[in-house]
Amino acid sequence: QIACSTGLVRRSGTVLVDHGARALADLNLEAL
């Protein structure tokens, strides 16, 4: 899981982001 230090108002449910490894892997760094 991932715990952020800002922007939690955008989380409508749990404040922790599940499937953290997949969230990191899905980031398209070249496009960014």
Full PDB file with SEQRES, HELIX, SHEET, SSBOND, CRYST1, ORIGX, SCALE, CONECT and MASTER records, all heavy atoms in Angstrom:
SEQRES   1 A   32  GLN ILE ALA CYS SER THR GLY LEU VAL ARG ARG SER GLY          
SEQRES   2 A   32  THR VAL LEU VAL ASP HIS GLY ALA ARG ALA LEU ALA ASP          
SEQRES   3 A   32  LEU ASN LEU GLU ALA LEU                                      
HELIX    1 AA1 LEU A    8  ARG A   10  5                                   3    
HELIX    2 AA2 GLY A   20  ALA A   25  1                                   6    
CRYST1    1.000    1.000    1.000  90.00  90.00  90.00 P 1           1          
ORIGX1      1.000000  0.000000  0.000000        0.00000                         
ORIGX2      0.000000  1.000000  0.000000        0.00000                         
ORIGX3      0.000000  0.000000  1.000000        0.00000                         
SCALE1      1.000000  0.000000  0.000000        0.00000                         
SCALE2      0.000000  1.000000  0.000000        0.00000                         
SCALE3      0.000000  0.000000  1.000000        0.00000                         
ATOM      1  N   GLN A   1       0.838  -1.198   0.000  1.00  0.00           N  
ATOM      2  CA  GLN A   1       0.000   0.000   0.000  1.00  0.00           C  
ATOM      3  C   GLN A   1       0.875   1.250   0.000  1.00  0.00           C  
ATOM      4  O   GLN A   1       2.070   1.182   0.323  1.00  0.00           O  
ATOM      5  CB  GLN A   1      -0.918   0.007   1.229  1.00  0.00           C  
ATOM      6  CG  GLN A   1      -1.928  -1.141   1.247  1.00  0.00           C  
ATOM      7  CD  GLN A   1      -2.673  -1.214   2.569  1.00  0.00           C  
ATOM      8  OE1 GLN A   1      -2.066  -1.355   3.637  1.00  0.00           O  
ATOM      9  NE2 GLN A   1      -3.996  -1.127   2.518  1.00  0.00           N  
ATOM     10  N   ILE A   2       0.282   2.378  -0.371  1.00  0.00           N  
ATOM     11  CA  ILE A   2       0.994   3.647  -0.421  1.00  0.00           C  
ATOM     12  C   ILE A   2       0.251   4.657   0.450  1.00  0.00           C  
ATOM     13  O   ILE A   2      -0.980   4.774   0.374  1.00  0.00           O  
ATOM     14  CB  ILE A   2       1.117   4.165  -1.867  1.00  0.00           C  
ATOM     15  CG1 ILE A   2       1.988   3.222  -2.691  1.00  0.00           C  
ATOM     16  CG2 ILE A   2       1.700   5.587  -1.894  1.00  0.00           C  
ATOM     17  CD1 ILE A   2       2.061   3.579  -4.175  1.00  0.00           C  
ATOM     18  N   ALA A   3       1.009   5.384   1.271  1.00  0.00           N  
ATOM     19  CA  ALA A   3       0.460   6.441   2.116  1.00  0.00           C  
ATOM     20  C   ALA A   3       1.056   7.770   1.665  1.00  0.00           C  
ATOM     21  O   ALA A   3       2.276   7.951   1.712  1.00  0.00           O  
ATOM     22  CB  ALA A   3       0.787   6.183   3.586  1.00  0.00           C  
ATOM     23  N   CYS A   4       0.227   8.683   1.205  1.00  0.00           N  
ATOM     24  CA  CYS A   4       0.677   9.987   0.716  1.00  0.00           C  
ATOM     25  C   CYS A   4       0.581  11.034   1.829  1.00  0.00           C  
ATOM     26  O   CYS A   4      -0.168  10.863   2.790  1.00  0.00           O  
ATOM     27  CB  CYS A   4      -0.175  10.433  -0.475  1.00  0.00           C  
ATOM     28  SG  CYS A   4      -0.152   9.274  -1.866  1.00  0.00           S  
ATOM     29  N   SER A   5       1.317  12.125   1.675  1.00  0.00           N  
ATOM     30  CA  SER A   5       1.265  13.185   2.691  1.00  0.00           C  
ATOM     31  C   SER A   5       0.491  14.406   2.221  1.00  0.00           C  
ATOM     32  O   SER A   5       0.493  15.431   2.893  1.00  0.00           O  
ATOM     33  CB  SER A   5       2.688  13.606   3.090  1.00  0.00           C  
ATOM     34  OG  SER A   5       3.275  14.415   2.095  1.00  0.00           O  
ATOM     35  N   THR A   6      -0.203  14.266   1.105  1.00  0.00           N  
ATOM     36  CA  THR A   6      -1.018  15.378   0.613  1.00  0.00           C  
ATOM     37  C   THR A   6      -2.097  14.823  -0.312  1.00  0.00           C  
ATOM     38  O   THR A   6      -1.986  13.701  -0.817  1.00  0.00           O  
ATOM     39  CB  THR A   6      -0.153  16.408  -0.142  1.00  0.00           C  
ATOM     40  OG1 THR A   6      -0.936  17.558  -0.459  1.00  0.00           O  
ATOM     41  CG2 THR A   6       0.420  15.844  -1.425  1.00  0.00           C  
ATOM     42  N   GLY A   7      -3.156  15.604  -0.506  1.00  0.00           N  
ATOM     43  CA  GLY A   7      -4.185  15.226  -1.474  1.00  0.00           C  
ATOM     44  C   GLY A   7      -5.160  14.168  -1.022  1.00  0.00           C  
ATOM     45  O   GLY A   7      -5.903  13.630  -1.843  1.00  0.00           O  
ATOM     46  N   LEU A   8      -5.212  13.854   0.278  1.00  0.00           N  
ATOM     47  CA  LEU A   8      -6.105  12.773   0.717  1.00  0.00           C  
ATOM     48  C   LEU A   8      -7.569  13.141   0.570  1.00  0.00           C  
ATOM     49  O   LEU A   8      -8.430  12.262   0.600  1.00  0.00           O  
ATOM     50  CB  LEU A   8      -5.810  12.390   2.166  1.00  0.00           C  
ATOM     51  CG  LEU A   8      -4.421  11.808   2.455  1.00  0.00           C  
ATOM     52  CD1 LEU A   8      -4.398  11.176   3.835  1.00  0.00           C  
ATOM     53  CD2 LEU A   8      -4.001  10.799   1.405  1.00  0.00           C  
ATOM     54  N   VAL A   9      -7.874  14.422   0.387  1.00  0.00           N  
ATOM     55  CA  VAL A   9      -9.261  14.829   0.171  1.00  0.00           C  
ATOM     56  C   VAL A   9      -9.809  14.190  -1.105  1.00  0.00           C  
ATOM     57  O   VAL A   9     -11.027  14.036  -1.260  1.00  0.00           O  
ATOM     58  CB  VAL A   9      -9.365  16.372   0.113  1.00  0.00           C  
ATOM     59  CG1 VAL A   9      -8.702  16.916  -1.144  1.00  0.00           C  
ATOM     60  CG2 VAL A   9     -10.809  16.828   0.201  1.00  0.00           C  
ATOM     61  N   ARG A  10      -8.920  13.789  -2.008  1.00  0.00           N  
ATOM     62  CA  ARG A  10      -9.365  13.157  -3.254  1.00  0.00           C  
ATOM     63  C   ARG A  10      -9.709  11.680  -3.068  1.00  0.00           C  
ATOM     64  O   ARG A  10     -10.216  11.047  -3.976  1.00  0.00           O  
ATOM     65  CB  ARG A  10      -8.280  13.286  -4.330  1.00  0.00           C  
ATOM     66  CG  ARG A  10      -7.914  14.723  -4.685  1.00  0.00           C  
ATOM     67  CD  ARG A  10      -6.967  14.754  -5.874  1.00  0.00           C  
ATOM     68  NE  ARG A  10      -6.569  16.119  -6.180  1.00  0.00           N  
ATOM     69  CZ  ARG A  10      -5.420  16.673  -5.806  1.00  0.00           C  
ATOM     70  NH1 ARG A  10      -4.564  15.956  -5.104  1.00  0.00           N  
ATOM     71  NH2 ARG A  10      -5.120  17.898  -6.120  1.00  0.00           N  
ATOM     72  N   ARG A  11      -9.394  11.139  -1.895  1.00  0.00           N  
ATOM     73  CA  ARG A  11      -9.686   9.734  -1.635  1.00  0.00           C  
ATOM     74  C   ARG A  11     -11.074   9.630  -1.016  1.00  0.00           C  
ATOM     75  O   ARG A  11     -11.318  10.086   0.095  1.00  0.00           O  
ATOM     76  CB  ARG A  11      -8.658   9.148  -0.663  1.00  0.00           C  
ATOM     77  CG  ARG A  11      -7.213   9.248  -1.119  1.00  0.00           C  
ATOM     78  CD  ARG A  11      -6.870   8.205  -2.151  1.00  0.00           C  
ATOM     79  NE  ARG A  11      -7.047   6.869  -1.614  1.00  0.00           N  
ATOM     80  CZ  ARG A  11      -7.060   5.781  -2.374  1.00  0.00           C  
ATOM     81  NH1 ARG A  11      -6.947   5.872  -3.680  1.00  0.00           N  
ATOM     82  NH2 ARG A  11      -7.209   4.584  -1.828  1.00  0.00           N  
ATOM     83  N   SER A  12     -12.001   9.021  -1.717  1.00  0.00           N  
ATOM     84  CA  SER A  12     -13.370   8.940  -1.216  1.00  0.00           C  
ATOM     85  C   SER A  12     -13.550   7.810  -0.215  1.00  0.00           C  
ATOM     86  O   SER A  12     -14.484   7.815   0.577  1.00  0.00           O  
ATOM     87  CB  SER A  12     -14.346   8.737  -2.385  1.00  0.00           C  
ATOM     88  OG  SER A  12     -13.990   7.584  -3.125  1.00  0.00           O  
ATOM     89  N   GLY A  13     -12.646   6.824  -0.222  1.00  0.00           N  
ATOM     90  CA  GLY A  13     -12.746   5.707   0.709  1.00  0.00           C  
ATOM     91  C   GLY A  13     -11.571   5.685   1.655  1.00  0.00           C  
ATOM     92  O   GLY A  13     -11.301   6.638   2.360  1.00  0.00           O  
ATOM     93  N   THR A  14     -10.853   4.568   1.672  1.00  0.00           N  
ATOM     94  CA  THR A  14      -9.700   4.442   2.542  1.00  0.00           C  
ATOM     95  C   THR A  14      -8.606   5.438   2.150  1.00  0.00           C  
ATOM     96  O   THR A  14      -8.460   5.779   0.979  1.00  0.00           O  
ATOM     97  CB  THR A  14      -9.131   3.008   2.489  1.00  0.00           C  
ATOM     98  OG1 THR A  14      -7.936   2.953   3.270  1.00  0.00           O  
ATOM     99  CG2 THR A  14      -8.805   2.603   1.064  1.00  0.00           C  
ATOM    100  N   VAL A  15      -7.851   5.884   3.139  1.00  0.00           N  
ATOM    101  CA  VAL A  15      -6.797   6.855   2.855  1.00  0.00           C  
ATOM    102  C   VAL A  15      -5.545   6.184   2.303  1.00  0.00           C  
ATOM    103  O   VAL A  15      -4.679   6.850   1.734  1.00  0.00           O  
ATOM    104  CB  VAL A  15      -6.444   7.667   4.113  1.00  0.00           C  
ATOM    105  CG1 VAL A  15      -7.591   8.579   4.493  1.00  0.00           C  
ATOM    106  CG2 VAL A  15      -6.063   6.765   5.281  1.00  0.00           C  
ATOM    107  N   LEU A  16      -5.421   4.868   2.483  1.00  0.00           N  
ATOM    108  CA  LEU A  16      -4.293   4.130   1.918  1.00  0.00           C  
ATOM    109  C   LEU A  16      -4.610   3.690   0.491  1.00  0.00           C  
ATOM    110  O   LEU A  16      -5.733   3.290   0.193  1.00  0.00           O  
ATOM    111  CB  LEU A  16      -3.978   2.898   2.767  1.00  0.00           C  
ATOM    112  CG  LEU A  16      -3.397   3.147   4.158  1.00  0.00           C  
ATOM    113  CD1 LEU A  16      -3.380   1.845   4.957  1.00  0.00           C  
ATOM    114  CD2 LEU A  16      -2.006   3.744   4.067  1.00  0.00           C  
ATOM    115  N   VAL A  17      -3.609   3.771  -0.366  1.00  0.00           N  
ATOM    116  CA  VAL A  17      -3.765   3.328  -1.753  1.00  0.00           C  
ATOM    117  C   VAL A  17      -3.374   1.859  -1.831  1.00  0.00           C  
ATOM    118  O   VAL A  17      -2.228   1.489  -1.521  1.00  0.00           O  
ATOM    119  CB  VAL A  17      -2.881   4.166  -2.700  1.00  0.00           C  
ATOM    120  CG1 VAL A  17      -2.995   3.652  -4.133  1.00  0.00           C  
ATOM    121  CG2 VAL A  17      -3.263   5.636  -2.613  1.00  0.00           C  
ATOM    122  N   ASP A  18      -4.320   1.003  -2.202  1.00  0.00           N  
ATOM    123  CA  ASP A  18      -4.053  -0.429  -2.307  1.00  0.00           C  
ATOM    124  C   ASP A  18      -3.258  -0.755  -3.574  1.00  0.00           C  
ATOM    125  O   ASP A  18      -3.145   0.067  -4.483  1.00  0.00           O  
ATOM    126  CB  ASP A  18      -5.365  -1.215  -2.307  1.00  0.00           C  
ATOM    127  CG  ASP A  18      -6.068  -1.158  -0.948  1.00  0.00           C  
ATOM    128  OD1 ASP A  18      -5.362  -1.173   0.076  1.00  0.00           O  
ATOM    129  OD2 ASP A  18      -7.316  -1.097  -0.921  1.00  0.00           O  
ATOM    130  N   HIS A  19      -2.726  -1.990  -3.610  1.00  0.00           N  
ATOM    131  CA  HIS A  19      -1.970  -2.480  -4.775  1.00  0.00           C  
ATOM    132  C   HIS A  19      -0.847  -1.506  -5.133  1.00  0.00           C  
ATOM    133  O   HIS A  19      -0.697  -1.070  -6.268  1.00  0.00           O  
ATOM    134  CB  HIS A  19      -2.902  -2.693  -5.972  1.00  0.00           C  
ATOM    135  CG  HIS A  19      -4.136  -3.485  -5.654  1.00  0.00           C  
ATOM    136  ND1 HIS A  19      -4.092  -4.810  -5.259  1.00  0.00           N  
ATOM    137  CD2 HIS A  19      -5.449  -3.126  -5.633  1.00  0.00           C  
ATOM    138  CE1 HIS A  19      -5.321  -5.240  -5.025  1.00  0.00           C  
ATOM    139  NE2 HIS A  19      -6.163  -4.237  -5.237  1.00  0.00           N  
ATOM    140  N   GLY A  20      -0.041  -1.174  -4.115  1.00  0.00           N  
ATOM    141  CA  GLY A  20       1.001  -0.173  -4.301  1.00  0.00           C  
ATOM    142  C   GLY A  20       2.036  -0.547  -5.345  1.00  0.00           C  
ATOM    143  O   GLY A  20       2.480   0.310  -6.114  1.00  0.00           O  
ATOM    144  N   ALA A  21       2.442  -1.822  -5.395  1.00  0.00           N  
ATOM    145  CA  ALA A  21       3.442  -2.241  -6.382  1.00  0.00           C  
ATOM    146  C   ALA A  21       2.916  -2.022  -7.800  1.00  0.00           C  
ATOM    147  O   ALA A  21       3.646  -1.550  -8.684  1.00  0.00           O  
ATOM    148  CB  ALA A  21       3.803  -3.708  -6.162  1.00  0.00           C  
ATOM    149  N   ARG A  22       1.649  -2.349  -8.015  1.00  0.00           N  
ATOM    150  CA  ARG A  22       1.066  -2.147  -9.343  1.00  0.00           C  
ATOM    151  C   ARG A  22       0.955  -0.656  -9.661  1.00  0.00           C  
ATOM    152  O   ARG A  22       1.171  -0.245 -10.802  1.00  0.00           O  
ATOM    153  CB  ARG A  22      -0.310  -2.808  -9.418  1.00  0.00           C  
ATOM    154  CG  ARG A  22      -0.891  -2.838 -10.840  1.00  0.00           C  
ATOM    155  CD  ARG A  22      -2.117  -3.707 -10.888  1.00  0.00           C  
ATOM    156  NE  ARG A  22      -3.253  -3.059 -10.221  1.00  0.00           N  
ATOM    157  CZ  ARG A  22      -4.355  -3.705  -9.844  1.00  0.00           C  
ATOM    158  NH1 ARG A  22      -4.452  -5.014 -10.028  1.00  0.00           N  
ATOM    159  NH2 ARG A  22      -5.348  -3.052  -9.262  1.00  0.00           N  
ATOM    160  N   ALA A  23       0.625   0.157  -8.652  1.00  0.00           N  
ATOM    161  CA  ALA A  23       0.524   1.603  -8.863  1.00  0.00           C  
ATOM    162  C   ALA A  23       1.857   2.183  -9.319  1.00  0.00           C  
ATOM    163  O   ALA A  23       1.904   3.035 -10.212  1.00  0.00           O  
ATOM    164  CB  ALA A  23       0.048   2.284  -7.585  1.00  0.00           C  
ATOM    165  N   LEU A  24       2.960   1.717  -8.716  1.00  0.00           N  
ATOM    166  CA  LEU A  24       4.284   2.182  -9.146  1.00  0.00           C  
ATOM    167  C   LEU A  24       4.618   1.673 -10.543  1.00  0.00           C  
ATOM    168  O   LEU A  24       5.148   2.414 -11.379  1.00  0.00           O  
ATOM    169  CB  LEU A  24       5.353   1.711  -8.159  1.00  0.00           C  
ATOM    170  CG  LEU A  24       5.461   2.435  -6.820  1.00  0.00           C  
ATOM    171  CD1 LEU A  24       6.574   1.812  -5.984  1.00  0.00           C  
ATOM    172  CD2 LEU A  24       5.731   3.917  -7.025  1.00  0.00           C  
ATOM    173  N   ALA A  25       4.326   0.396 -10.794  1.00  0.00           N  
ATOM    174  CA  ALA A  25       4.658  -0.199 -12.093  1.00  0.00           C  
ATOM    175  C   ALA A  25       3.872   0.437 -13.228  1.00  0.00           C  
ATOM    176  O   ALA A  25       4.361   0.524 -14.361  1.00  0.00           O  
ATOM    177  CB  ALA A  25       4.399  -1.703 -12.053  1.00  0.00           C  
ATOM    178  N   ASP A  26       2.651   0.894 -12.951  1.00  0.00           N  
ATOM    179  CA  ASP A  26       1.790   1.449 -14.002  1.00  0.00           C  
ATOM    180  C   ASP A  26       2.167   2.865 -14.406  1.00  0.00           C  
ATOM    181  O   ASP A  26       1.657   3.380 -15.416  1.00  0.00           O  
ATOM    182  CB  ASP A  26       0.319   1.436 -13.546  1.00  0.00           C  
ATOM    183  CG  ASP A  26      -0.282   0.038 -13.559  1.00  0.00           C  
ATOM    184  OD1 ASP A  26       0.342  -0.874 -14.139  1.00  0.00           O  
ATOM    185  OD2 ASP A  26      -1.380  -0.133 -12.989  1.00  0.00           O  
ATOM    186  N   LEU A  27       3.041   3.524 -13.656  1.00  0.00           N  
ATOM    187  CA  LEU A  27       3.423   4.893 -14.002  1.00  0.00           C  
ATOM    188  C   LEU A  27       4.240   4.904 -15.293  1.00  0.00           C  
ATOM    189  O   LEU A  27       5.252   4.215 -15.401  1.00  0.00           O  
ATOM    190  CB  LEU A  27       4.234   5.517 -12.871  1.00  0.00           C  
ATOM    191  CG  LEU A  27       3.510   5.748 -11.546  1.00  0.00           C  
ATOM    192  CD1 LEU A  27       4.493   6.207 -10.487  1.00  0.00           C  
ATOM    193  CD2 LEU A  27       2.387   6.771 -11.712  1.00  0.00           C  
ATOM    194  N   ASN A  28       3.807   5.687 -16.257  1.00  0.00           N  
ATOM    195  CA  ASN A  28       4.522   5.822 -17.526  1.00  0.00           C  
ATOM    196  C   ASN A  28       5.507   6.986 -17.405  1.00  0.00           C  
ATOM    197  O   ASN A  28       5.160   8.133 -17.679  1.00  0.00           O  
ATOM    198  CB  ASN A  28       3.526   6.058 -18.665  1.00  0.00           C  
ATOM    199  CG  ASN A  28       4.190   6.037 -20.033  1.00  0.00           C  
ATOM    200  OD1 ASN A  28       5.402   6.283 -20.164  1.00  0.00           O  
ATOM    201  ND2 ASN A  28       3.419   5.750 -21.071  1.00  0.00           N  
ATOM    202  N   LEU A  29       6.715   6.685 -16.957  1.00  0.00           N  
ATOM    203  CA  LEU A  29       7.683   7.736 -16.673  1.00  0.00           C  
ATOM    204  C   LEU A  29       8.128   8.459 -17.940  1.00  0.00           C  
ATOM    205  O   LEU A  29       8.416   9.659 -17.913  1.00  0.00           O  
ATOM    206  CB  LEU A  29       8.890   7.158 -15.936  1.00  0.00           C  
ATOM    207  CG  LEU A  29       8.571   6.500 -14.580  1.00  0.00           C  
ATOM    208  CD1 LEU A  29       9.859   6.058 -13.897  1.00  0.00           C  
ATOM    209  CD2 LEU A  29       7.784   7.440 -13.683  1.00  0.00           C  
ATOM    210  N   GLU A  30       8.184   7.754 -19.058  1.00  0.00           N  
ATOM    211  CA  GLU A  30       8.572   8.412 -20.322  1.00  0.00           C  
ATOM    212  C   GLU A  30       7.555   9.480 -20.696  1.00  0.00           C  
ATOM    213  O   GLU A  30       7.915  10.594 -21.085  1.00  0.00           O  
ATOM    214  CB  GLU A  30       8.688   7.374 -21.443  1.00  0.00           C  
ATOM    215  CG  GLU A  30       9.978   6.575 -21.400  1.00  0.00           C  
ATOM    216  CD  GLU A  30      10.162   5.756 -22.671  1.00  0.00           C  
ATOM    217  OE1 GLU A  30       9.636   6.163 -23.734  1.00  0.00           O  
ATOM    218  OE2 GLU A  30      10.833   4.728 -22.595  1.00  0.00           O  
ATOM    219  N   ALA A  31       6.282   9.151 -20.591  1.00  0.00           N  
ATOM    220  CA  ALA A  31       5.248  10.133 -20.921  1.00  0.00           C  
ATOM    221  C   ALA A  31       5.274  11.298 -19.942  1.00  0.00           C  
ATOM    222  O   ALA A  31       5.066  12.456 -20.324  1.00  0.00           O  
ATOM    223  CB  ALA A  31       3.870   9.460 -20.905  1.00  0.00           C  
ATOM    224  N   LEU A  32       5.563  11.003 -18.684  1.00  0.00           N  
ATOM    225  CA  LEU A  32       5.590  12.062 -17.680  1.00  0.00           C  
ATOM    226  C   LEU A  32       6.745  13.032 -17.890  1.00  0.00           C  
ATOM    227  O   LEU A  32       6.664  14.189 -17.492  1.00  0.00           O  
ATOM    228  CB  LEU A  32       5.673  11.449 -16.278  1.00  0.00           C  
ATOM    229  CG  LEU A  32       4.383  10.781 -15.784  1.00  0.00           C  
ATOM    230  CD1 LEU A  32       4.659   9.916 -14.562  1.00  0.00           C  
ATOM    231  CD2 LEU A  32       3.333  11.838 -15.459  1.00  0.00           C  
TER     232      LEU A  32                                                      
MASTER        0    0    0    2    0    0    0    6  231    1    0    3          
END                                                                             
